[in-house]
Protein backbone atom coordinates (compact mmCIF):
# COMPACT_ATOMS: atom_id res chain seq x y z
CA MET A 1 -20.02 76.03 32.92
CA ALA A 2 -20.62 77.65 36.24
CA GLY A 3 -23.45 76.74 38.55
CA SER A 4 -23.24 77.98 42.09
CA LYS A 5 -22.31 74.67 43.69
CA ARG A 6 -19.33 76.06 45.55
CA LEU A 7 -19.91 78.27 48.51
CA GLY A 8 -16.43 77.53 49.80
CA ALA A 9 -14.89 80.79 48.73
CA LEU A 10 -17.59 82.66 50.62
CA ILE A 11 -18.04 80.55 53.72
CA ALA A 12 -14.36 79.75 54.20
CA VAL A 13 -13.75 83.43 54.89
CA LEU A 14 -14.46 82.28 58.43
CA THR A 15 -11.23 80.28 58.29
CA ILE A 16 -8.95 83.24 58.86
CA ALA A 17 -11.07 84.54 61.72
CA VAL A 18 -11.29 81.14 63.41
CA VAL A 19 -7.58 80.53 63.08
CA ALA A 20 -6.71 83.97 64.38
CA CYS A 21 -8.88 83.47 67.44
CA SER A 22 -7.57 79.99 68.19
CA ASN A 23 -4.10 81.23 69.02
CA SER A 24 -5.24 83.98 71.34
CA THR A 25 -7.89 82.21 73.44
CA SER A 26 -7.40 82.49 77.19
CA GLY A 27 -8.68 79.90 79.60
CA SER A 28 -8.10 76.98 77.28
CA SER A 29 -9.95 73.83 78.26
CA GLY A 30 -7.79 71.42 76.33
CA LYS A 31 -10.71 69.00 75.94
CA PRO A 32 -10.57 66.86 72.81
CA ILE A 33 -13.23 67.56 70.19
CA THR A 34 -14.66 64.73 68.12
CA MET A 35 -15.75 65.52 64.58
CA ALA A 36 -18.10 62.80 63.41
CA GLU A 37 -17.85 61.98 59.71
CA LEU A 38 -20.76 60.18 58.05
CA PHE A 39 -19.53 59.54 54.51
CA PRO A 40 -20.25 57.09 51.64
CA VAL A 41 -16.84 55.44 51.72
CA SER A 42 -18.08 52.31 49.91
CA GLY A 43 -20.98 51.57 47.62
CA ARG A 44 -22.18 53.15 44.42
CA GLU A 45 -20.64 56.58 45.04
CA ALA A 46 -17.60 55.74 47.13
CA PHE A 47 -15.63 58.37 45.24
CA VAL A 48 -17.86 61.03 46.85
CA GLY A 49 -16.81 59.80 50.28
CA GLN A 50 -13.18 60.12 49.24
CA TRP A 51 -13.78 63.73 48.20
CA PHE A 52 -15.38 64.42 51.58
CA GLN A 53 -12.48 62.89 53.48
CA HIS A 54 -10.04 65.11 51.62
CA GLY A 55 -11.81 68.28 52.75
CA ALA A 56 -12.38 67.10 56.31
CA LYS A 57 -8.72 66.21 56.86
CA ALA A 58 -7.64 69.58 55.49
CA ALA A 59 -9.92 71.32 57.99
CA VAL A 60 -8.60 69.25 60.89
CA TYR A 61 -5.05 70.05 59.83
CA ASP A 62 -5.76 73.80 59.77
CA ILE A 63 -7.49 73.86 63.16
CA ASN A 64 -5.04 71.62 65.01
CA LYS A 65 -1.89 73.29 63.68
CA ASN A 66 -3.24 76.58 65.03
CA GLY A 67 -3.87 75.34 68.56
CA GLY A 68 -7.19 73.61 68.16
CA VAL A 69 -10.32 75.04 69.76
CA MET A 70 -9.67 76.45 73.24
CA GLY A 71 -6.64 74.19 73.36
CA GLY A 72 -8.54 71.07 72.36
CA GLN A 73 -7.44 69.11 69.32
CA ILE A 74 -9.92 67.84 66.75
CA THR A 75 -10.11 64.08 66.29
CA GLU A 76 -12.01 62.35 63.49
CA ALA A 77 -14.55 59.56 63.91
CA LEU A 78 -15.57 58.07 60.56
CA GLN A 79 -18.44 55.72 59.71
CA ASP A 80 -19.39 54.46 56.26
CA THR A 81 -22.96 54.82 54.97
CA GLY A 82 -22.37 52.74 51.86
CA GLY A 83 -24.27 55.46 50.04
CA ASP A 84 -27.54 54.12 51.43
CA PRO A 85 -30.01 55.98 53.71
CA VAL A 86 -30.89 52.78 55.59
CA ASP A 87 -27.27 51.83 56.25
CA ALA A 88 -26.65 55.43 57.29
CA VAL A 89 -28.92 54.89 60.31
CA THR A 90 -26.70 52.12 61.68
CA ALA A 91 -23.55 54.10 60.92
CA GLN A 92 -24.98 57.14 62.70
CA ARG A 93 -25.78 55.14 65.82
CA LYS A 94 -22.17 53.95 65.95
CA LEU A 95 -20.95 57.53 65.70
CA LEU A 96 -23.20 58.66 68.54
CA THR A 97 -21.53 56.17 70.90
CA GLN A 98 -18.34 58.24 70.49
CA ASN A 99 -20.02 61.40 71.84
CA PRO A 100 -19.17 63.66 68.89
CA THR A 101 -19.17 67.44 69.27
CA PHE A 102 -20.50 67.96 65.75
CA GLU A 103 -20.86 66.06 62.49
CA VAL A 104 -19.88 66.56 58.86
CA GLY A 105 -21.83 64.68 56.19
CA PRO A 106 -23.64 62.72 54.97
CA SER A 107 -24.30 63.38 51.29
CA SER A 108 -27.59 63.89 49.49
CA LEU A 109 -27.77 60.12 49.01
CA GLU A 110 -28.26 59.36 52.71
CA ILE A 111 -29.38 62.50 54.54
CA GLN A 112 -33.06 61.61 54.58
CA GLY A 113 -32.30 58.44 56.54
CA VAL A 114 -30.84 60.32 59.52
CA ILE A 115 -32.04 63.91 59.28
CA LYS A 116 -34.59 63.54 62.07
CA ASP A 117 -32.01 62.19 64.53
CA TYR A 118 -29.88 65.28 65.07
CA ALA A 119 -32.35 67.19 67.23
CA ALA A 120 -32.86 64.21 69.53
CA SER A 121 -29.12 64.00 70.17
CA ASN A 122 -28.50 67.78 70.16
CA LEU A 123 -25.88 67.22 67.47
CA VAL A 124 -25.12 69.96 64.94
CA ASP A 125 -24.61 68.61 61.44
CA PHE A 126 -23.06 70.14 58.31
CA MET A 127 -24.27 67.88 55.52
CA ALA A 128 -22.47 68.03 52.18
CA GLY A 129 -24.79 67.94 49.22
CA GLY A 130 -27.26 70.15 47.43
CA THR A 131 -30.38 67.98 47.36
CA SER A 132 -33.32 70.25 46.63
CA GLN A 133 -35.40 68.21 49.08
CA LEU A 134 -33.83 70.46 51.72
CA ASP A 135 -34.50 73.80 50.02
CA ASN A 136 -36.99 74.56 52.79
CA MET A 137 -35.05 73.39 55.82
CA GLN A 138 -37.20 72.18 58.70
CA TYR A 139 -34.44 70.84 60.93
CA LYS A 140 -32.73 73.37 63.17
CA TYR A 141 -29.61 71.26 63.82
CA VAL A 142 -28.85 70.60 60.14
CA PHE A 143 -26.95 72.99 57.88
CA ARG A 144 -25.43 72.55 54.44
CA THR A 145 -22.39 74.08 52.84
CA SER A 146 -23.46 73.35 49.26
CA ALA A 147 -25.78 75.38 47.09
CA SER A 148 -29.06 73.75 46.12
CA ASP A 149 -29.33 71.35 43.20
CA THR A 150 -32.26 73.53 42.16
CA THR A 151 -29.60 75.90 40.85
CA ILE A 152 -27.81 73.03 39.12
CA THR A 153 -30.96 71.90 37.31
CA ALA A 154 -31.69 75.46 36.19
CA ALA A 155 -28.15 75.65 34.77
CA MET A 156 -28.62 72.34 32.93
CA VAL A 157 -31.71 73.68 31.20
CA ALA A 158 -30.23 77.12 30.53
CA PHE A 159 -27.26 75.51 28.81
CA ALA A 160 -29.48 73.37 26.59
CA ILE A 161 -31.75 76.27 25.66
CA GLN A 162 -28.75 78.46 24.82
CA LYS A 163 -27.53 75.71 22.50
CA GLY A 164 -30.92 75.67 20.75
CA TRP A 165 -31.78 72.17 21.94
CA LYS A 166 -35.58 72.12 22.22
CA LYS A 167 -36.51 68.41 22.10
CA ALA A 168 -35.37 66.27 25.02
CA ILE A 169 -35.43 62.78 26.48
CA MET A 170 -35.19 62.39 30.27
CA LEU A 171 -33.23 59.40 31.65
CA PHE A 172 -33.09 59.63 35.47
CA GLU A 173 -32.48 57.03 38.16
CA THR A 174 -35.24 56.29 40.66
CA THR A 175 -33.64 57.65 43.85
CA ALA A 176 -35.56 60.35 45.72
CA ASP A 177 -32.88 62.96 45.06
CA SER A 178 -32.82 62.17 41.35
CA THR A 179 -36.61 62.21 41.11
CA THR A 180 -36.65 65.72 42.55
CA GLU A 181 -34.04 66.82 40.01
CA LEU A 182 -36.15 65.29 37.24
CA GLN A 183 -39.14 67.34 38.33
CA HIS A 184 -37.15 70.57 38.27
CA VAL A 185 -35.47 69.91 34.92
CA SER A 186 -38.80 68.97 33.34
CA THR A 187 -40.55 72.08 34.64
CA TYR A 188 -37.75 74.47 33.67
CA PHE A 189 -37.38 72.94 30.21
CA LYS A 190 -41.09 73.10 29.37
CA ASN A 191 -41.40 76.60 30.79
CA ASN A 192 -38.63 77.72 28.42
CA GLY A 193 -40.21 76.31 25.27
CA GLY A 194 -38.76 72.82 25.37
CA THR A 195 -40.61 69.64 24.45
CA ILE A 196 -40.08 66.40 26.37
CA LEU A 197 -40.37 63.44 24.01
CA ASP A 198 -40.18 60.80 26.72
CA THR A 199 -39.21 60.27 30.36
CA GLU A 200 -37.74 57.03 31.68
CA GLN A 201 -36.82 56.41 35.31
CA LEU A 202 -34.09 53.83 35.69
CA ALA A 203 -33.90 51.28 38.49
CA LEU A 204 -30.35 51.15 39.79
CA HIS A 205 -27.76 48.64 38.64
CA GLN A 206 -29.84 46.60 36.21
CA SER A 207 -28.19 44.27 33.71
CA SER A 208 -29.81 46.08 30.78
CA TYR A 209 -31.67 49.29 29.95
CA ARG A 210 -32.33 48.41 26.32
CA SER A 211 -36.12 48.44 26.71
CA GLU A 212 -36.13 51.89 28.34
CA ILE A 213 -33.81 53.27 25.65
CA THR A 214 -35.85 51.77 22.82
CA LYS A 215 -39.05 53.23 24.24
CA ALA A 216 -37.52 56.66 24.78
CA PHE A 217 -36.04 57.01 21.28
CA ALA A 218 -39.17 55.62 19.61
CA LYS A 219 -40.84 58.98 20.30
CA GLY A 220 -38.53 60.81 17.89
CA ALA A 221 -34.98 62.08 17.58
CA PRO A 222 -34.03 64.32 20.53
CA ASP A 223 -31.73 67.32 20.45
CA VAL A 224 -30.51 66.48 23.95
CA VAL A 225 -30.73 63.80 26.61
CA PHE A 226 -30.91 65.00 30.20
CA VAL A 227 -29.45 62.22 32.33
CA LYS A 228 -28.86 61.54 36.01
CA SER A 229 -27.48 58.27 37.33
CA ASP A 230 -24.58 56.92 39.29
CA PRO A 231 -21.56 55.76 37.25
CA GLN A 232 -22.37 52.06 37.65
CA THR A 233 -25.88 52.48 36.26
CA GLY A 234 -24.53 54.87 33.65
CA ALA A 235 -21.95 52.39 32.38
CA THR A 236 -24.70 49.93 31.44
CA LEU A 237 -27.03 52.66 30.18
CA PHE A 238 -24.47 54.21 27.83
CA ALA A 239 -23.17 50.84 26.61
CA ASN A 240 -26.76 49.94 25.66
CA MET A 241 -27.28 53.32 23.98
CA LYS A 242 -24.17 52.73 21.88
CA GLN A 243 -25.27 49.22 20.94
CA LEU A 244 -28.63 50.58 19.79
CA GLY A 245 -27.08 53.42 17.83
CA HIS A 246 -28.26 56.23 20.11
CA LEU A 247 -25.01 57.38 21.73
CA ASN A 248 -24.74 60.26 19.26
CA VAL A 249 -26.65 63.06 20.97
CA PRO A 250 -25.62 65.62 23.64
CA LEU A 251 -25.88 64.29 27.20
CA VAL A 252 -26.45 66.96 29.86
CA SER A 253 -26.10 65.96 33.52
CA ASP A 254 -25.64 67.63 36.90
CA ASP A 255 -22.31 67.77 38.72
CA THR A 256 -22.07 63.97 38.54
CA GLY A 257 -21.49 64.46 34.83
CA ASN A 258 -18.49 66.62 35.63
CA THR A 259 -16.52 63.72 37.11
CA ILE A 260 -13.92 61.39 35.61
CA GLU A 261 -15.96 58.46 36.95
CA TYR A 262 -18.93 59.47 34.81
CA ALA A 263 -16.77 60.21 31.77
CA LYS A 264 -15.42 56.66 32.03
CA ALA A 265 -18.99 55.35 32.28
CA VAL A 266 -19.85 57.05 29.00
CA GLY A 267 -16.48 56.13 27.51
CA LEU A 268 -13.74 58.74 27.33
CA ALA A 269 -13.90 59.18 23.55
CA ASP A 270 -17.69 59.54 23.50
CA SER A 271 -17.79 61.70 26.62
CA ALA A 272 -15.42 64.16 24.95
CA LYS A 273 -17.95 64.51 22.12
CA TYR A 274 -21.28 64.37 23.92
CA LEU A 275 -21.12 64.72 27.73
CA TYR A 276 -21.74 68.01 29.54
CA GLY A 277 -21.76 68.34 33.33
CA VAL A 278 -22.64 71.35 35.44
CA ALA A 279 -19.94 72.43 37.88
CA GLY A 280 -19.40 75.31 40.24
CA ALA A 281 -17.23 78.26 39.35
CA ALA A 282 -13.54 77.98 40.12
CA GLY A 283 -12.61 79.11 43.62
CA ASN A 284 -10.80 82.40 44.11
CA GLY A 285 -9.89 85.00 46.71
CA ASP A 286 -7.96 84.90 49.98
CA ALA A 287 -10.18 82.28 51.62
CA TRP A 288 -9.82 79.92 48.68
CA THR A 289 -6.05 80.42 48.69
CA HIS A 290 -5.97 79.57 52.40
CA PHE A 291 -7.96 76.40 51.76
CA VAL A 292 -5.68 75.34 48.92
CA GLN A 293 -2.63 75.84 51.13
CA ASP A 294 -4.12 73.56 53.79
CA TYR A 295 -5.16 71.06 51.16
CA GLN A 296 -1.70 70.96 49.63
CA ALA A 297 -0.08 70.46 53.02
CA VAL A 298 -2.22 67.37 53.61
CA TRP A 299 -2.58 65.93 50.10
CA GLN A 300 0.55 67.23 48.30
CA THR A 301 -1.39 68.85 45.46
CA ASP A 302 -2.81 72.31 44.90
CA LYS A 303 -5.79 70.95 42.96
CA PRO A 304 -8.53 70.03 45.45
CA VAL A 305 -10.92 67.28 44.44
CA GLN A 306 -14.56 68.14 43.92
CA LEU A 307 -16.74 68.98 46.93
CA SER A 308 -13.77 68.79 49.30
CA GLN A 309 -14.26 72.48 50.04
CA ASN A 310 -17.73 71.73 51.40
CA THR A 311 -16.59 69.36 54.14
CA TYR A 312 -13.64 71.67 54.81
CA ASP A 313 -16.08 74.51 55.40
CA GLY A 314 -18.19 72.33 57.69
CA GLY A 315 -15.17 71.56 59.85
CA ILE A 316 -14.00 75.18 59.95
CA ILE A 317 -17.43 76.56 60.80
């Protein structure tokens, strides 16, 4: 179903204008331009970092093949956050030693660890992620190319209500981003006539979640389970649910639930029956076509991976 996660088709309209200007600029400086990339290349959501790299490289390809910016070619400087806001601080300091012109990333997982640093270094950042913690942006150097997760959580609830699912269990990991999503889903669901039987917040990467599952399902049989976790936590969670006889109810998640990694965590057969993830509408229009052409030139496929359009837009802007 369609949330509004993808702003690529709208924002990437700038692509054509930027490219057109790059070939006609007089007085070219020819100075190299460093695009800092702060991505979760390893850790619990390394696949997100891979998505980001796909979009960033497509943007660099487009800009450089059209003469760069005032004659200067874009170069990439990548540092790995490990998906952790604390490790992101060290990674960011390493990037700053390379005197970047601007930065793309990090994701919602790590942004809070570095968000205060951009003003001090006069570095413009295009983070990629919709964390609703940034719905009221207070940092003038930080922009995002993703729609808010507030929209995603509203779509999760709307889908459940449309299906007639009125009794829910909440299983959400304990990260700050996930806790904010939990608050929104809970409020929206109750405001639309839903009843929450139980809420359990899950510490990451535990060896078992049997006690949390037993407690949650002891409150009654739910129509739906709203869930948010990384795939590693989810793999244990869903294995325990199956062992306890509870993996037989619809599972509604955010855009994490729309990934092959999460489907594998649930189990492909069970995910086909029970898992629903919110995703943005399919891209369309001239700007999207332009992006796909760049993407195919770099990655030899016309099917961009998720969120790659967001880092592409950051680079183009």
